[in-house]
Amino acid sequence: MGISKPAALVCLVAAVLSGNALAGDPAVGKSKAATCAGCHGGEGVSGNGLWPNLAGQKEGYLIKQLKDFRDGKRNDPMMSSMAKPLSDDDIANLAAFYSQLK
């Protein structure tokens, strides 16, 4: 029993749309990242072993972590307060910026 053509089309459209939902703008993310640099470094490499490097992390991973901090699923006094005002677009842009760094 295979999948029907309309169901396959719906799955394809959903996959394309969900991929676009992750597509942030690295240039916009870079300007937004100025507040992150104090802990995570200007190029996403932290100078302190207590804070993670963000450079080169996978975009989807960064989006999930920032949303979890923002939405209270993950809690850290500093990160939760930093992530709270971020919109979904802000998060996508930050993730796009940090994921493209080496």
PDB file of N, CA and C in Angstrom:
ATOM      1  N   MET A   1       0.846  -1.167   0.000  1.00  0.00           N
ATOM      2  CA  MET A   1       0.000   0.000   0.000  1.00  0.00           C
ATOM      3  C   MET A   1       0.896   1.237   0.000  1.00  0.00           C
ATOM      4  N   GLY A   2       0.945   1.927  -1.144  1.00  0.00           N
ATOM      5  CA  GLY A   2       1.792   3.104  -1.287  1.00  0.00           C
ATOM      6  C   GLY A   2       1.064   4.371  -0.889  1.00  0.00           C
ATOM      7  N   ILE A   3       1.807   5.446  -0.900  1.00  0.00           N
ATOM      8  CA  ILE A   3       1.252   6.758  -0.561  1.00  0.00           C
ATOM      9  C   ILE A   3       0.587   7.337  -1.818  1.00  0.00           C
ATOM     10  N   SER A   4      -0.543   7.972  -1.651  1.00  0.00           N
ATOM     11  CA  SER A   4      -1.260   8.559  -2.786  1.00  0.00           C
ATOM     12  C   SER A   4      -0.520   9.787  -3.297  1.00  0.00           C
ATOM     13  N   LYS A   5      -0.763  10.146  -4.551  1.00  0.00           N
ATOM     14  CA  LYS A   5      -0.103  11.320  -5.133  1.00  0.00           C
ATOM     15  C   LYS A   5      -0.440  12.601  -4.381  1.00  0.00           C
ATOM     16  N   PRO A   6      -1.724  12.820  -4.007  1.00  0.00           N
ATOM     17  CA  PRO A   6      -2.003  14.047  -3.233  1.00  0.00           C
ATOM     18  C   PRO A   6      -1.280  14.060  -1.882  1.00  0.00           C
ATOM     19  N   ALA A   7      -1.199  12.915  -1.215  1.00  0.00           N
ATOM     20  CA  ALA A   7      -0.507  12.859   0.077  1.00  0.00           C
ATOM     21  C   ALA A   7       0.982  13.112  -0.121  1.00  0.00           C
ATOM     22  N   ALA A   8       1.552  12.573  -1.174  1.00  0.00           N
ATOM     23  CA  ALA A   8       2.967  12.796  -1.468  1.00  0.00           C
ATOM     24  C   ALA A   8       3.230  14.271  -1.748  1.00  0.00           C
ATOM     25  N   LEU A   9       2.317  14.909  -2.478  1.00  0.00           N
ATOM     26  CA  LEU A   9       2.458  16.331  -2.765  1.00  0.00           C
ATOM     27  C   LEU A   9       2.402  17.160  -1.485  1.00  0.00           C
ATOM     28  N   VAL A  10       1.489  16.837  -0.597  1.00  0.00           N
ATOM     29  CA  VAL A  10       1.382  17.537   0.688  1.00  0.00           C
ATOM     30  C   VAL A  10       2.675  17.371   1.471  1.00  0.00           C
ATOM     31  N   CYS A  11       3.230  16.167   1.502  1.00  0.00           N
ATOM     32  CA  CYS A  11       4.488  15.918   2.219  1.00  0.00           C
ATOM     33  C   CYS A  11       5.631  16.724   1.613  1.00  0.00           C
ATOM     34  N   LEU A  12       5.671  16.781   0.281  1.00  0.00           N
ATOM     35  CA  LEU A  12       6.720  17.533  -0.393  1.00  0.00           C
ATOM     36  C   LEU A  12       6.619  19.026  -0.081  1.00  0.00           C
ATOM     37  N   VAL A  13       5.420  19.571  -0.149  1.00  0.00           N
ATOM     38  CA  VAL A  13       5.214  20.988   0.157  1.00  0.00           C
ATOM     39  C   VAL A  13       5.586  21.276   1.613  1.00  0.00           C
ATOM     40  N   ALA A  14       5.187  20.404   2.521  1.00  0.00           N
ATOM     41  CA  ALA A  14       5.525  20.586   3.937  1.00  0.00           C
ATOM     42  C   ALA A  14       7.031  20.556   4.144  1.00  0.00           C
ATOM     43  N   ALA A  15       7.718  19.664   3.460  1.00  0.00           N
ATOM     44  CA  ALA A  15       9.176  19.580   3.601  1.00  0.00           C
ATOM     45  C   ALA A  15       9.847  20.845   3.084  1.00  0.00           C
ATOM     46  N   VAL A  16       9.381  21.345   1.954  1.00  0.00           N
ATOM     47  CA  VAL A  16       9.953  22.567   1.390  1.00  0.00           C
ATOM     48  C   VAL A  16       9.691  23.748   2.313  1.00  0.00           C
ATOM     49  N   LEU A  17       8.469  23.862   2.793  1.00  0.00           N
ATOM     50  CA  LEU A  17       8.132  24.982   3.674  1.00  0.00           C
ATOM     51  C   LEU A  17       8.888  24.911   4.986  1.00  0.00           C
ATOM     52  N   SER A  18       9.045  23.731   5.557  1.00  0.00           N
ATOM     53  CA  SER A  18       9.765  23.629   6.826  1.00  0.00           C
ATOM     54  C   SER A  18      11.235  23.945   6.621  1.00  0.00           C
ATOM     55  N   GLY A  19      11.801  23.611   5.475  1.00  0.00           N
ATOM     56  CA  GLY A  19      13.183  23.972   5.180  1.00  0.00           C
ATOM     57  C   GLY A  19      13.345  25.469   5.083  1.00  0.00           C
ATOM     58  N   ASN A  20      12.376  26.137   4.476  1.00  0.00           N
ATOM     59  CA  ASN A  20      12.428  27.590   4.382  1.00  0.00           C
ATOM     60  C   ASN A  20      12.275  28.251   5.735  1.00  0.00           C
ATOM     61  N   ALA A  21      11.596  27.605   6.658  1.00  0.00           N
ATOM     62  CA  ALA A  21      11.410  28.173   7.987  1.00  0.00           C
ATOM     63  C   ALA A  21      12.740  28.296   8.718  1.00  0.00           C
ATOM     64  N   LEU A  22      13.717  27.450   8.344  1.00  0.00           N
ATOM     65  CA  LEU A  22      15.027  27.508   8.978  1.00  0.00           C
ATOM     66  C   LEU A  22      15.940  28.546   8.316  1.00  0.00           C
ATOM     67  N   ALA A  23      15.558  29.010   7.139  1.00  0.00           N
ATOM     68  CA  ALA A  23      16.441  29.862   6.357  1.00  0.00           C
ATOM     69  C   ALA A  23      16.478  31.277   6.913  1.00  0.00           C
ATOM     70  N   GLY A  24      17.501  31.548   7.706  1.00  0.00           N
ATOM     71  CA  GLY A  24      17.693  32.885   8.232  1.00  0.00           C
ATOM     72  C   GLY A  24      18.674  33.651   7.376  1.00  0.00           C
ATOM     73  N   ASP A  25      18.868  34.895   7.693  1.00  0.00           N
ATOM     74  CA  ASP A  25      19.786  35.771   6.975  1.00  0.00           C
ATOM     75  C   ASP A  25      21.035  35.967   7.830  1.00  0.00           C
ATOM     76  N   PRO A  26      22.182  35.410   7.417  1.00  0.00           N
ATOM     77  CA  PRO A  26      23.400  35.532   8.220  1.00  0.00           C
ATOM     78  C   PRO A  26      23.833  36.986   8.453  1.00  0.00           C
ATOM     79  N   ALA A  27      23.622  37.860   7.479  1.00  0.00           N
ATOM     80  CA  ALA A  27      24.024  39.265   7.642  1.00  0.00           C
ATOM     81  C   ALA A  27      23.211  39.945   8.736  1.00  0.00           C
ATOM     82  N   VAL A  28      21.915  39.667   8.755  1.00  0.00           N
ATOM     83  CA  VAL A  28      21.062  40.221   9.804  1.00  0.00           C
ATOM     84  C   VAL A  28      21.437  39.587  11.150  1.00  0.00           C
ATOM     85  N   GLY A  29      21.715  38.296  11.122  1.00  0.00           N
ATOM     86  CA  GLY A  29      22.122  37.604  12.338  1.00  0.00           C
ATOM     87  C   GLY A  29      23.406  38.165  12.921  1.00  0.00           C
ATOM     88  N   LYS A  30      24.338  38.529  12.050  1.00  0.00           N
ATOM     89  CA  LYS A  30      25.610  39.098  12.520  1.00  0.00           C
ATOM     90  C   LYS A  30      25.367  40.386  13.295  1.00  0.00           C
ATOM     91  N   SER A  31      24.491  41.241  12.796  1.00  0.00           N
ATOM     92  CA  SER A  31      24.215  42.496  13.506  1.00  0.00           C
ATOM     93  C   SER A  31      23.509  42.224  14.829  1.00  0.00           C
ATOM     94  N   LYS A  32      22.664  41.205  14.864  1.00  0.00           N
ATOM     95  CA  LYS A  32      21.953  40.854  16.097  1.00  0.00           C
ATOM     96  C   LYS A  32      22.894  40.180  17.102  1.00  0.00           C
ATOM     97  N   ALA A  33      23.976  39.570  16.620  1.00  0.00           N
ATOM     98  CA  ALA A  33      24.888  38.795  17.461  1.00  0.00           C
ATOM     99  C   ALA A  33      25.804  39.648  18.332  1.00  0.00           C
ATOM    100  N   ALA A  34      25.766  40.950  18.164  1.00  0.00           N
ATOM    101  CA  ALA A  34      26.641  41.816  18.964  1.00  0.00           C
ATOM    102  C   ALA A  34      26.426  41.589  20.457  1.00  0.00           C
ATOM    103  N   THR A  35      25.194  41.331  20.870  1.00  0.00           N
ATOM    104  CA  THR A  35      24.921  41.106  22.293  1.00  0.00           C
ATOM    105  C   THR A  35      25.401  39.732  22.760  1.00  0.00           C
ATOM    106  N   CYS A  36      25.635  38.828  21.830  1.00  0.00           N
ATOM    107  CA  CYS A  36      26.092  37.476  22.167  1.00  0.00           C
ATOM    108  C   CYS A  36      27.609  37.428  22.340  1.00  0.00           C
ATOM    109  N   ALA A  37      28.302  38.383  21.719  1.00  0.00           N
ATOM    110  CA  ALA A  37      29.764  38.359  21.642  1.00  0.00           C
ATOM    111  C   ALA A  37      30.450  38.412  22.997  1.00  0.00           C
ATOM    112  N   GLY A  38      29.834  39.040  23.981  1.00  0.00           N
ATOM    113  CA  GLY A  38      30.457  39.147  25.297  1.00  0.00           C
ATOM    114  C   GLY A  38      30.788  37.797  25.909  1.00  0.00           C
ATOM    115  N   CYS A  39      29.948  36.827  25.679  1.00  0.00           N
ATOM    116  CA  CYS A  39      30.181  35.477  26.222  1.00  0.00           C
ATOM    117  C   CYS A  39      30.670  34.496  25.165  1.00  0.00           C
ATOM    118  N   HIS A  40      30.130  34.600  23.952  1.00  0.00           N
ATOM    119  CA  HIS A  40      30.404  33.598  22.922  1.00  0.00           C
ATOM    120  C   HIS A  40      31.441  34.045  21.896  1.00  0.00           C
ATOM    121  N   GLY A  41      32.010  35.238  22.075  1.00  0.00           N
ATOM    122  CA  GLY A  41      33.041  35.735  21.177  1.00  0.00           C
ATOM    123  C   GLY A  41      32.464  36.356  19.915  1.00  0.00           C
ATOM    124  N   GLY A  42      33.164  37.304  19.356  1.00  0.00           N
ATOM    125  CA  GLY A  42      32.711  38.013  18.172  1.00  0.00           C
ATOM    126  C   GLY A  42      32.553  37.119  16.955  1.00  0.00           C
ATOM    127  N   GLU A  43      33.312  36.050  16.894  1.00  0.00           N
ATOM    128  CA  GLU A  43      33.223  35.102  15.784  1.00  0.00           C
ATOM    129  C   GLU A  43      32.676  33.755  16.252  1.00  0.00           C
ATOM    130  N   GLY A  44      31.978  33.765  17.391  1.00  0.00           N
ATOM    131  CA  GLY A  44      31.331  32.549  17.873  1.00  0.00           C
ATOM    132  C   GLY A  44      32.234  31.587  18.610  1.00  0.00           C
ATOM    133  N   VAL A  45      33.440  32.010  18.943  1.00  0.00           N
ATOM    134  CA  VAL A  45      34.372  31.159  19.692  1.00  0.00           C
ATOM    135  C   VAL A  45      34.591  31.808  21.056  1.00  0.00           C
ATOM    136  N   SER A  46      34.125  31.127  22.083  1.00  0.00           N
ATOM    137  CA  SER A  46      34.175  31.655  23.436  1.00  0.00           C
ATOM    138  C   SER A  46      35.590  31.629  23.996  1.00  0.00           C
ATOM    139  N   GLY A  47      35.932  32.670  24.719  1.00  0.00           N
ATOM    140  CA  GLY A  47      37.223  32.715  25.399  1.00  0.00           C
ATOM    141  C   GLY A  47      37.168  32.095  26.782  1.00  0.00           C
ATOM    142  N   ASN A  48      35.997  31.642  27.195  1.00  0.00           N
ATOM    143  CA  ASN A  48      35.800  31.075  28.529  1.00  0.00           C
ATOM    144  C   ASN A  48      35.256  29.654  28.371  1.00  0.00           C
ATOM    145  N   GLY A  49      35.882  28.712  29.018  1.00  0.00           N
ATOM    146  CA  GLY A  49      35.475  27.318  28.922  1.00  0.00           C
ATOM    147  C   GLY A  49      34.085  27.016  29.461  1.00  0.00           C
ATOM    148  N   LEU A  50      33.498  27.960  30.187  1.00  0.00           N
ATOM    149  CA  LEU A  50      32.151  27.746  30.717  1.00  0.00           C
ATOM    150  C   LEU A  50      31.061  27.996  29.680  1.00  0.00           C
ATOM    151  N   TRP A  51      31.393  28.726  28.614  1.00  0.00           N
ATOM    152  CA  TRP A  51      30.397  29.082  27.605  1.00  0.00           C
ATOM    153  C   TRP A  51      30.732  28.386  26.295  1.00  0.00           C
ATOM    154  N   PRO A  52      29.734  27.852  25.616  1.00  0.00           N
ATOM    155  CA  PRO A  52      30.011  27.090  24.391  1.00  0.00           C
ATOM    156  C   PRO A  52      30.390  27.959  23.197  1.00  0.00           C
ATOM    157  N   ASN A  53      31.149  27.348  22.296  1.00  0.00           N
ATOM    158  CA  ASN A  53      31.402  27.953  20.992  1.00  0.00           C
ATOM    159  C   ASN A  53      30.140  27.779  20.160  1.00  0.00           C
ATOM    160  N   LEU A  54      29.758  28.809  19.447  1.00  0.00           N
ATOM    161  CA  LEU A  54      28.584  28.745  18.584  1.00  0.00           C
ATOM    162  C   LEU A  54      28.969  28.598  17.115  1.00  0.00           C
ATOM    163  N   ALA A  55      30.177  28.990  16.768  1.00  0.00           N
ATOM    164  CA  ALA A  55      30.638  28.924  15.379  1.00  0.00           C
ATOM    165  C   ALA A  55      30.577  27.487  14.872  1.00  0.00           C
ATOM    166  N   GLY A  56      29.956  27.333  13.708  1.00  0.00           N
ATOM    167  CA  GLY A  56      29.924  26.033  13.064  1.00  0.00           C
ATOM    168  C   GLY A  56      28.890  25.057  13.588  1.00  0.00           C
ATOM    169  N   GLN A  57      28.119  25.462  14.588  1.00  0.00           N
ATOM    170  CA  GLN A  57      27.054  24.571  15.068  1.00  0.00           C
ATOM    171  C   GLN A  57      25.985  24.451  13.984  1.00  0.00           C
ATOM    172  N   LYS A  58      25.262  23.362  13.987  1.00  0.00           N
ATOM    173  CA  LYS A  58      24.197  23.169  12.995  1.00  0.00           C
ATOM    174  C   LYS A  58      23.070  24.163  13.246  1.00  0.00           C
ATOM    175  N   GLU A  59      22.546  24.693  12.149  1.00  0.00           N
ATOM    176  CA  GLU A  59      21.514  25.722  12.217  1.00  0.00           C
ATOM    177  C   GLU A  59      20.282  25.252  13.006  1.00  0.00           C
ATOM    178  N   GLY A  60      19.809  24.060  12.709  1.00  0.00           N
ATOM    179  CA  GLY A  60      18.634  23.530  13.401  1.00  0.00           C
ATOM    180  C   GLY A  60      18.859  23.361  14.891  1.00  0.00           C
ATOM    181  N   TYR A  61      20.070  22.958  15.265  1.00  0.00           N
ATOM    182  CA  TYR A  61      20.421  22.804  16.684  1.00  0.00           C
ATOM    183  C   TYR A  61      20.372  24.158  17.395  1.00  0.00           C
ATOM    184  N   LEU A  62      20.963  25.169  16.783  1.00  0.00           N
ATOM    185  CA  LEU A  62      20.962  26.500  17.396  1.00  0.00           C
ATOM    186  C   LEU A  62      19.539  27.036  17.538  1.00  0.00           C
ATOM    187  N   ILE A  63      18.721  26.819  16.521  1.00  0.00           N
ATOM    188  CA  ILE A  63      17.329  27.263  16.593  1.00  0.00           C
ATOM    189  C   ILE A  63      16.619  26.583  17.753  1.00  0.00           C
ATOM    190  N   LYS A  64      16.780  25.274  17.877  1.00  0.00           N
ATOM    191  CA  LYS A  64      16.112  24.546  18.961  1.00  0.00           C
ATOM    192  C   LYS A  64      16.562  25.046  20.332  1.00  0.00           C
ATOM    193  N   GLN A  65      17.866  25.216  20.510  1.00  0.00           N
ATOM    194  CA  GLN A  65      18.370  25.640  21.818  1.00  0.00           C
ATOM    195  C   GLN A  65      17.878  27.038  22.174  1.00  0.00           C
ATOM    196  N   LEU A  66      17.937  27.970  21.221  1.00  0.00           N
ATOM    197  CA  LEU A  66      17.473  29.334  21.513  1.00  0.00           C
ATOM    198  C   LEU A  66      15.979  29.369  21.809  1.00  0.00           C
ATOM    199  N   LYS A  67      15.192  28.611  21.049  1.00  0.00           N
ATOM    200  CA  LYS A  67      13.751  28.564  21.323  1.00  0.00           C
ATOM    201  C   LYS A  67      13.473  27.924  22.673  1.00  0.00           C
ATOM    202  N   ASP A  68      14.240  26.882  23.024  1.00  0.00           N
ATOM    203  CA  ASP A  68      14.052  26.241  24.332  1.00  0.00           C
ATOM    204  C   ASP A  68      14.373  27.214  25.469  1.00  0.00           C
ATOM    205  N   PHE A  69      15.436  28.015  25.328  1.00  0.00           N
ATOM    206  CA  PHE A  69      15.736  29.032  26.346  1.00  0.00           C
ATOM    207  C   PHE A  69      14.623  30.079  26.385  1.00  0.00           C
ATOM    208  N   ARG A  70      14.216  30.544  25.232  1.00  0.00           N
ATOM    209  CA  ARG A  70      13.180  31.575  25.156  1.00  0.00           C
ATOM    210  C   ARG A  70      11.854  31.101  25.743  1.00  0.00           C
ATOM    211  N   ASP A  71      11.483  29.860  25.443  1.00  0.00           N
ATOM    212  CA  ASP A  71      10.175  29.338  25.830  1.00  0.00           C
ATOM    213  C   ASP A  71      10.153  28.651  27.190  1.00  0.00           C
ATOM    214  N   GLY A  72      11.295  28.654  27.897  1.00  0.00           N
ATOM    215  CA  GLY A  72      11.346  28.091  29.242  1.00  0.00           C
ATOM    216  C   GLY A  72      11.508  26.580  29.303  1.00  0.00           C
ATOM    217  N   LYS A  73      11.754  25.926  28.175  1.00  0.00           N
ATOM    218  CA  LYS A  73      11.995  24.479  28.186  1.00  0.00           C
ATOM    219  C   LYS A  73      13.401  24.162  28.670  1.00  0.00           C
ATOM    220  N   ARG A  74      14.266  25.132  28.538  1.00  0.00           N
ATOM    221  CA  ARG A  74      15.644  25.035  29.032  1.00  0.00           C
ATOM    222  C   ARG A  74      15.880  26.292  29.849  1.00  0.00           C
ATOM    223  N   ASN A  75      16.567  26.153  30.980  1.00  0.00           N
ATOM    224  CA  ASN A  75      16.690  27.295  31.870  1.00  0.00           C
ATOM    225  C   ASN A  75      18.141  27.561  32.253  1.00  0.00           C
ATOM    226  N   ASP A  76      18.535  28.787  32.058  1.00  0.00           N
ATOM    227  CA  ASP A  76      19.818  29.309  32.511  1.00  0.00           C
ATOM    228  C   ASP A  76      19.560  30.794  32.756  1.00  0.00           C
ATOM    229  N   PRO A  77      19.925  31.304  33.927  1.00  0.00           N
ATOM    230  CA  PRO A  77      19.589  32.700  34.236  1.00  0.00           C
ATOM    231  C   PRO A  77      20.020  33.700  33.155  1.00  0.00           C
ATOM    232  N   MET A  78      21.213  33.539  32.607  1.00  0.00           N
ATOM    233  CA  MET A  78      21.698  34.483  31.603  1.00  0.00           C
ATOM    234  C   MET A  78      21.046  34.221  30.243  1.00  0.00           C
ATOM    235  N   MET A  79      21.107  32.985  29.784  1.00  0.00           N
ATOM    236  CA  MET A  79      20.598  32.689  28.441  1.00  0.00           C
ATOM    237  C   MET A  79      19.084  32.846  28.346  1.00  0.00           C
ATOM    238  N   SER A  80      18.375  32.469  29.371  1.00  0.00           N
ATOM    239  CA  SER A  80      16.918  32.607  29.324  1.00  0.00           C
ATOM    240  C   SER A  80      16.515  34.068  29.177  1.00  0.00           C
ATOM    241  N   SER A  81      17.187  34.949  29.913  1.00  0.00           N
ATOM    242  CA  SER A  81      16.850  36.369  29.819  1.00  0.00           C
ATOM    243  C   SER A  81      17.296  36.961  28.483  1.00  0.00           C
ATOM    244  N   MET A  82      18.384  36.469  27.921  1.00  0.00           N
ATOM    245  CA  MET A  82      18.849  36.960  26.619  1.00  0.00           C
ATOM    246  C   MET A  82      17.935  36.485  25.488  1.00  0.00           C
ATOM    247  N   ALA A  83      17.420  35.266  25.600  1.00  0.00           N
ATOM    248  CA  ALA A  83      16.604  34.685  24.530  1.00  0.00           C
ATOM    249  C   ALA A  83      15.144  35.122  24.589  1.00  0.00           C
ATOM    250  N   LYS A  84      14.687  35.538  25.765  1.00  0.00           N
ATOM    251  CA  LYS A  84      13.269  35.864  25.957  1.00  0.00           C
ATOM    252  C   LYS A  84      12.717  36.846  24.917  1.00  0.00           C
ATOM    253  N   PRO A  85      13.412  37.932  24.591  1.00  0.00           N
ATOM    254  CA  PRO A  85      12.828  38.892  23.645  1.00  0.00           C
ATOM    255  C   PRO A  85      13.011  38.517  22.169  1.00  0.00           C
ATOM    256  N   LEU A  86      13.686  37.401  21.871  1.00  0.00           N
ATOM    257  CA  LEU A  86      13.965  37.055  20.471  1.00  0.00           C
ATOM    258  C   LEU A  86      12.723  36.534  19.755  1.00  0.00           C
ATOM    259  N   SER A  87      12.502  37.029  18.552  1.00  0.00           N
ATOM    260  CA  SER A  87      11.427  36.522  17.695  1.00  0.00           C
ATOM    261  C   SER A  87      11.941  35.271  16.973  1.00  0.00           C
ATOM    262  N   ASP A  88      11.043  34.555  16.322  1.00  0.00           N
ATOM    263  CA  ASP A  88      11.460  33.410  15.518  1.00  0.00           C
ATOM    264  C   ASP A  88      12.418  33.852  14.413  1.00  0.00           C
ATOM    265  N   ASP A  89      12.170  35.007  13.816  1.00  0.00           N
ATOM    266  CA  ASP A  89      13.070  35.527  12.774  1.00  0.00           C
ATOM    267  C   ASP A  89      14.448  35.854  13.351  1.00  0.00           C
ATOM    268  N   ASP A  90      14.491  36.473  14.530  1.00  0.00           N
ATOM    269  CA  ASP A  90      15.770  36.768  15.179  1.00  0.00           C
ATOM    270  C   ASP A  90      16.562  35.475  15.381  1.00  0.00           C
ATOM    271  N   ILE A  91      15.891  34.453  15.873  1.00  0.00           N
ATOM    272  CA  ILE A  91      16.543  33.172  16.147  1.00  0.00           C
ATOM    273  C   ILE A  91      17.051  32.540  14.853  1.00  0.00           C
ATOM    274  N   ALA A  92      16.241  32.561  13.804  1.00  0.00           N
ATOM    275  CA  ALA A  92      16.671  31.999  12.522  1.00  0.00           C
ATOM    276  C   ALA A  92      17.878  32.750  11.975  1.00  0.00           C
ATOM    277  N   ASN A  93      17.891  34.065  12.119  1.00  0.00           N
ATOM    278  CA  ASN A  93      19.010  34.870  11.627  1.00  0.00           C
ATOM    279  C   ASN A  93      20.279  34.612  12.423  1.00  0.00           C
ATOM    280  N   LEU A  94      20.162  34.530  13.738  1.00  0.00           N
ATOM    281  CA  LEU A  94      21.325  34.211  14.569  1.00  0.00           C
ATOM    282  C   LEU A  94      21.875  32.828  14.236  1.00  0.00           C
ATOM    283  N   ALA A  95      20.996  31.865  14.085  1.00  0.00           N
ATOM    284  CA  ALA A  95      21.418  30.500  13.761  1.00  0.00           C
ATOM    285  C   ALA A  95      22.102  30.459  12.396  1.00  0.00           C
ATOM    286  N   ALA A  96      21.575  31.204  11.430  1.00  0.00           N
ATOM    287  CA  ALA A  96      22.192  31.251  10.099  1.00  0.00           C
ATOM    288  C   ALA A  96      23.595  31.847  10.186  1.00  0.00           C
ATOM    289  N   PHE A  97      23.759  32.895  10.968  1.00  0.00           N
ATOM    290  CA  PHE A  97      25.062  33.528  11.130  1.00  0.00           C
ATOM    291  C   PHE A  97      26.063  32.579  11.775  1.00  0.00           C
ATOM    292  N   TYR A  98      25.728  32.037  12.935  1.00  0.00           N
ATOM    293  CA  TYR A  98      26.687  31.202  13.649  1.00  0.00           C
ATOM    294  C   TYR A  98      26.977  29.891  12.926  1.00  0.00           C
ATOM    295  N   SER A  99      25.997  29.340  12.232  1.00  0.00           N
ATOM    296  CA  SER A  99      26.228  28.060  11.551  1.00  0.00           C
ATOM    297  C   SER A  99      27.187  28.198  10.370  1.00  0.00           C
ATOM    298  N   GLN A 100      27.282  29.381   9.778  1.00  0.00           N
ATOM    299  CA  GLN A 100      28.170  29.533   8.632  1.00  0.00           C
ATOM    300  C   GLN A 100      29.607  29.923   9.030  1.00  0.00           C
ATOM    301  N   LEU A 101      29.834  30.168  10.311  1.00  0.00           N
ATOM    302  CA  LEU A 101      31.188  30.479  10.775  1.00  0.00           C
ATOM    303  C   LEU A 101      32.017  29.207  10.912  1.00  0.00           C
ATOM    304  N   LYS A 102      33.300  29.350  10.777  1.00  0.00           N
ATOM    305  CA  LYS A 102      34.207  28.188  10.925  1.00  0.00           C
ATOM    306  C   LYS A 102      34.764  28.124  12.313  1.00  0.00           C
TER     307      LYS A 102
END
